[in-house]
Amino acid sequence: MPEEKLEVYILEDMDVTQRGWLVMKLEHEQGIVGAWFAGGDQHRLTVHYEREHFSHLTLLDTIKHLGFHGELLQSG
């Protein structure tokens, strides 16, 4: 299955517990292969997902539904 990678800037300040909770919730969504906050940056969320089951719009909606707000970062 083809996978895509998105980077999202989370607008809220998040502590370690909140980041872990968000990653756990996202990784339980169908189509998300993995999610993490890289390099200790509390705002930069990386998500790997399967194109057949998920999209960037679905990701932003899911993050909003979980109580946070994000913006897509330009890759490259």
N, C-alpha and C. Protein backbone atom coordinates (compact mmCIF):
# COMPACT_ATOMS: atom_id res chain seq x y z
N MET A 1 0.83 -1.19 0.00
CA MET A 1 0.00 0.00 0.00
C MET A 1 0.88 1.25 0.00
N PRO A 2 0.64 2.17 -0.90
CA PRO A 2 1.44 3.40 -0.92
C PRO A 2 1.22 4.24 0.33
N GLU A 3 2.33 4.71 0.87
CA GLU A 3 2.25 5.55 2.06
C GLU A 3 2.70 6.96 1.72
N GLU A 4 2.14 7.90 2.44
CA GLU A 4 2.51 9.31 2.31
C GLU A 4 2.96 9.81 3.67
N LYS A 5 3.74 10.87 3.66
CA LYS A 5 4.16 11.50 4.91
C LYS A 5 3.69 12.94 4.91
N LEU A 6 3.12 13.36 6.01
CA LEU A 6 2.72 14.75 6.20
C LEU A 6 3.38 15.29 7.46
N GLU A 7 3.70 16.57 7.42
CA GLU A 7 4.15 17.25 8.62
C GLU A 7 3.13 18.33 8.94
N VAL A 8 2.72 18.35 10.19
CA VAL A 8 1.69 19.27 10.65
C VAL A 8 2.27 20.12 11.77
N TYR A 9 2.01 21.41 11.70
CA TYR A 9 2.38 22.31 12.79
C TYR A 9 1.18 22.41 13.71
N ILE A 10 1.33 21.93 14.95
CA ILE A 10 0.27 22.00 15.94
C ILE A 10 0.32 23.38 16.59
N LEU A 11 -0.78 24.09 16.57
CA LEU A 11 -0.79 25.47 17.03
C LEU A 11 -0.69 25.61 18.55
N GLU A 12 -1.25 24.66 19.26
CA GLU A 12 -1.22 24.73 20.72
C GLU A 12 0.13 24.31 21.28
N ASP A 13 0.48 24.86 22.46
CA ASP A 13 1.62 24.37 23.21
C ASP A 13 1.17 23.08 23.90
N MET A 14 1.97 22.03 23.75
CA MET A 14 1.60 20.73 24.31
C MET A 14 2.72 20.20 25.18
N ASP A 15 2.33 19.60 26.33
CA ASP A 15 3.34 18.95 27.15
C ASP A 15 3.53 17.51 26.66
N VAL A 16 4.45 16.80 27.29
CA VAL A 16 4.78 15.44 26.87
C VAL A 16 3.56 14.53 26.92
N THR A 17 2.76 14.66 27.96
CA THR A 17 1.57 13.82 28.11
C THR A 17 0.57 14.07 26.99
N GLN A 18 0.33 15.33 26.67
CA GLN A 18 -0.61 15.66 25.58
C GLN A 18 -0.09 15.15 24.24
N ARG A 19 1.20 15.29 23.99
CA ARG A 19 1.77 14.81 22.73
C ARG A 19 1.62 13.29 22.62
N GLY A 20 1.90 12.60 23.71
CA GLY A 20 1.75 11.14 23.71
C GLY A 20 0.32 10.71 23.48
N TRP A 21 -0.62 11.43 24.11
CA TRP A 21 -2.04 11.11 23.94
C TRP A 21 -2.47 11.31 22.49
N LEU A 22 -2.06 12.44 21.88
CA LEU A 22 -2.44 12.72 20.50
C LEU A 22 -1.87 11.66 19.56
N VAL A 23 -0.60 11.30 19.74
CA VAL A 23 0.03 10.27 18.90
C VAL A 23 -0.73 8.95 19.04
N MET A 24 -1.05 8.56 20.27
CA MET A 24 -1.77 7.31 20.50
C MET A 24 -3.12 7.32 19.78
N LYS A 25 -3.86 8.42 19.93
CA LYS A 25 -5.18 8.52 19.28
C LYS A 25 -5.05 8.45 17.76
N LEU A 26 -4.08 9.16 17.20
CA LEU A 26 -3.90 9.15 15.75
C LEU A 26 -3.52 7.76 15.25
N GLU A 27 -2.64 7.07 15.98
CA GLU A 27 -2.19 5.75 15.53
C GLU A 27 -3.29 4.70 15.61
N HIS A 28 -4.37 5.00 16.30
CA HIS A 28 -5.52 4.08 16.33
C HIS A 28 -6.51 4.35 15.20
N GLU A 29 -6.27 5.40 14.42
CA GLU A 29 -7.13 5.70 13.27
C GLU A 29 -6.77 4.78 12.10
N GLN A 30 -7.79 4.26 11.43
CA GLN A 30 -7.53 3.42 10.26
C GLN A 30 -6.81 4.24 9.20
N GLY A 31 -5.73 3.69 8.69
CA GLY A 31 -4.98 4.35 7.63
C GLY A 31 -3.75 5.10 8.11
N ILE A 32 -3.62 5.32 9.41
CA ILE A 32 -2.41 5.96 9.91
C ILE A 32 -1.43 4.88 10.33
N VAL A 33 -0.26 4.93 9.72
CA VAL A 33 0.77 3.94 9.97
C VAL A 33 1.59 4.31 11.20
N GLY A 34 1.88 5.58 11.37
CA GLY A 34 2.66 6.02 12.52
C GLY A 34 2.60 7.53 12.65
N ALA A 35 2.83 8.01 13.87
CA ALA A 35 2.83 9.45 14.13
C ALA A 35 3.84 9.71 15.25
N TRP A 36 4.52 10.86 15.18
CA TRP A 36 5.47 11.21 16.22
C TRP A 36 5.81 12.69 16.14
N PHE A 37 6.30 13.20 17.25
CA PHE A 37 6.84 14.55 17.32
C PHE A 37 8.36 14.40 17.25
N ALA A 38 8.96 14.91 16.20
CA ALA A 38 10.39 14.70 15.96
C ALA A 38 11.25 15.77 16.60
N GLY A 39 12.42 15.36 17.04
CA GLY A 39 13.44 16.28 17.48
C GLY A 39 13.07 17.15 18.67
N GLY A 40 12.15 16.71 19.50
CA GLY A 40 11.79 17.48 20.67
C GLY A 40 10.96 18.72 20.38
N ASP A 41 10.52 18.89 19.14
CA ASP A 41 9.70 20.04 18.78
C ASP A 41 8.24 19.73 19.10
N GLN A 42 7.68 20.44 20.07
CA GLN A 42 6.31 20.17 20.52
C GLN A 42 5.26 20.57 19.51
N HIS A 43 5.64 21.24 18.45
CA HIS A 43 4.67 21.70 17.45
C HIS A 43 4.73 20.91 16.14
N ARG A 44 5.84 20.24 15.86
CA ARG A 44 6.02 19.56 14.57
C ARG A 44 5.66 18.09 14.69
N LEU A 45 4.49 17.75 14.14
CA LEU A 45 3.98 16.38 14.15
C LEU A 45 4.17 15.77 12.77
N THR A 46 4.80 14.60 12.72
CA THR A 46 4.97 13.87 11.47
C THR A 46 4.02 12.68 11.48
N VAL A 47 3.32 12.48 10.37
CA VAL A 47 2.35 11.40 10.26
C VAL A 47 2.58 10.64 8.96
N HIS A 48 2.70 9.32 9.05
CA HIS A 48 2.74 8.45 7.88
C HIS A 48 1.35 7.83 7.76
N TYR A 49 0.79 7.87 6.56
CA TYR A 49 -0.57 7.35 6.39
C TYR A 49 -0.69 6.66 5.04
N GLU A 50 -1.72 5.82 4.91
CA GLU A 50 -2.03 5.13 3.66
C GLU A 50 -3.02 5.96 2.87
N ARG A 51 -2.68 6.28 1.66
CA ARG A 51 -3.52 7.15 0.83
C ARG A 51 -4.92 6.60 0.60
N GLU A 52 -5.05 5.28 0.58
CA GLU A 52 -6.36 4.68 0.31
C GLU A 52 -7.34 4.93 1.45
N HIS A 53 -6.84 5.17 2.64
CA HIS A 53 -7.70 5.25 3.82
C HIS A 53 -7.72 6.61 4.49
N PHE A 54 -6.83 7.51 4.10
CA PHE A 54 -6.68 8.75 4.84
C PHE A 54 -6.22 9.84 3.89
N SER A 55 -6.45 11.08 4.25
CA SER A 55 -5.96 12.21 3.45
C SER A 55 -5.50 13.32 4.37
N HIS A 56 -4.87 14.34 3.81
CA HIS A 56 -4.42 15.46 4.64
C HIS A 56 -5.60 16.20 5.27
N LEU A 57 -6.72 16.27 4.54
CA LEU A 57 -7.90 16.94 5.11
C LEU A 57 -8.50 16.13 6.25
N THR A 58 -8.54 14.81 6.08
CA THR A 58 -9.03 13.95 7.14
C THR A 58 -8.15 14.08 8.37
N LEU A 59 -6.84 14.18 8.15
CA LEU A 59 -5.91 14.32 9.27
C LEU A 59 -6.17 15.60 10.05
N LEU A 60 -6.29 16.72 9.36
CA LEU A 60 -6.55 17.99 10.03
C LEU A 60 -7.89 17.97 10.77
N ASP A 61 -8.90 17.35 10.16
CA ASP A 61 -10.20 17.23 10.82
C ASP A 61 -10.11 16.36 12.08
N THR A 62 -9.35 15.27 11.99
CA THR A 62 -9.20 14.38 13.13
C THR A 62 -8.48 15.09 14.28
N ILE A 63 -7.43 15.83 13.96
CA ILE A 63 -6.70 16.59 14.98
C ILE A 63 -7.63 17.60 15.65
N LYS A 64 -8.46 18.27 14.85
CA LYS A 64 -9.40 19.24 15.39
C LYS A 64 -10.44 18.56 16.30
N HIS A 65 -10.93 17.41 15.86
CA HIS A 65 -11.90 16.64 16.65
C HIS A 65 -11.30 16.24 18.00
N LEU A 66 -9.99 16.03 18.04
CA LEU A 66 -9.31 15.64 19.28
C LEU A 66 -8.96 16.84 20.15
N GLY A 67 -9.32 18.04 19.70
CA GLY A 67 -9.16 19.22 20.55
C GLY A 67 -7.97 20.10 20.25
N PHE A 68 -7.29 19.84 19.14
CA PHE A 68 -6.12 20.64 18.78
C PHE A 68 -6.30 21.19 17.37
N HIS A 69 -5.42 22.08 16.98
CA HIS A 69 -5.50 22.70 15.66
C HIS A 69 -4.15 22.61 14.99
N GLY A 70 -4.15 22.28 13.70
CA GLY A 70 -2.89 22.14 12.99
C GLY A 70 -2.95 22.74 11.62
N GLU A 71 -1.76 23.02 11.10
CA GLU A 71 -1.60 23.52 9.74
C GLU A 71 -0.56 22.65 9.06
N LEU A 72 -0.80 22.33 7.79
CA LEU A 72 0.17 21.53 7.04
C LEU A 72 1.43 22.35 6.80
N LEU A 73 2.57 21.68 6.96
CA LEU A 73 3.86 22.30 6.65
C LEU A 73 4.27 21.89 5.25
N GLN A 74 4.91 22.79 4.53
CA GLN A 74 5.41 22.48 3.20
C GLN A 74 6.55 21.48 3.34
N SER A 75 6.54 20.43 2.53
CA SER A 75 7.64 19.47 2.57
C SER A 75 8.71 19.92 1.59
N GLY A 76 9.93 19.53 1.92
CA GLY A 76 11.05 19.87 1.05
C GLY A 76 11.43 21.25 1.32
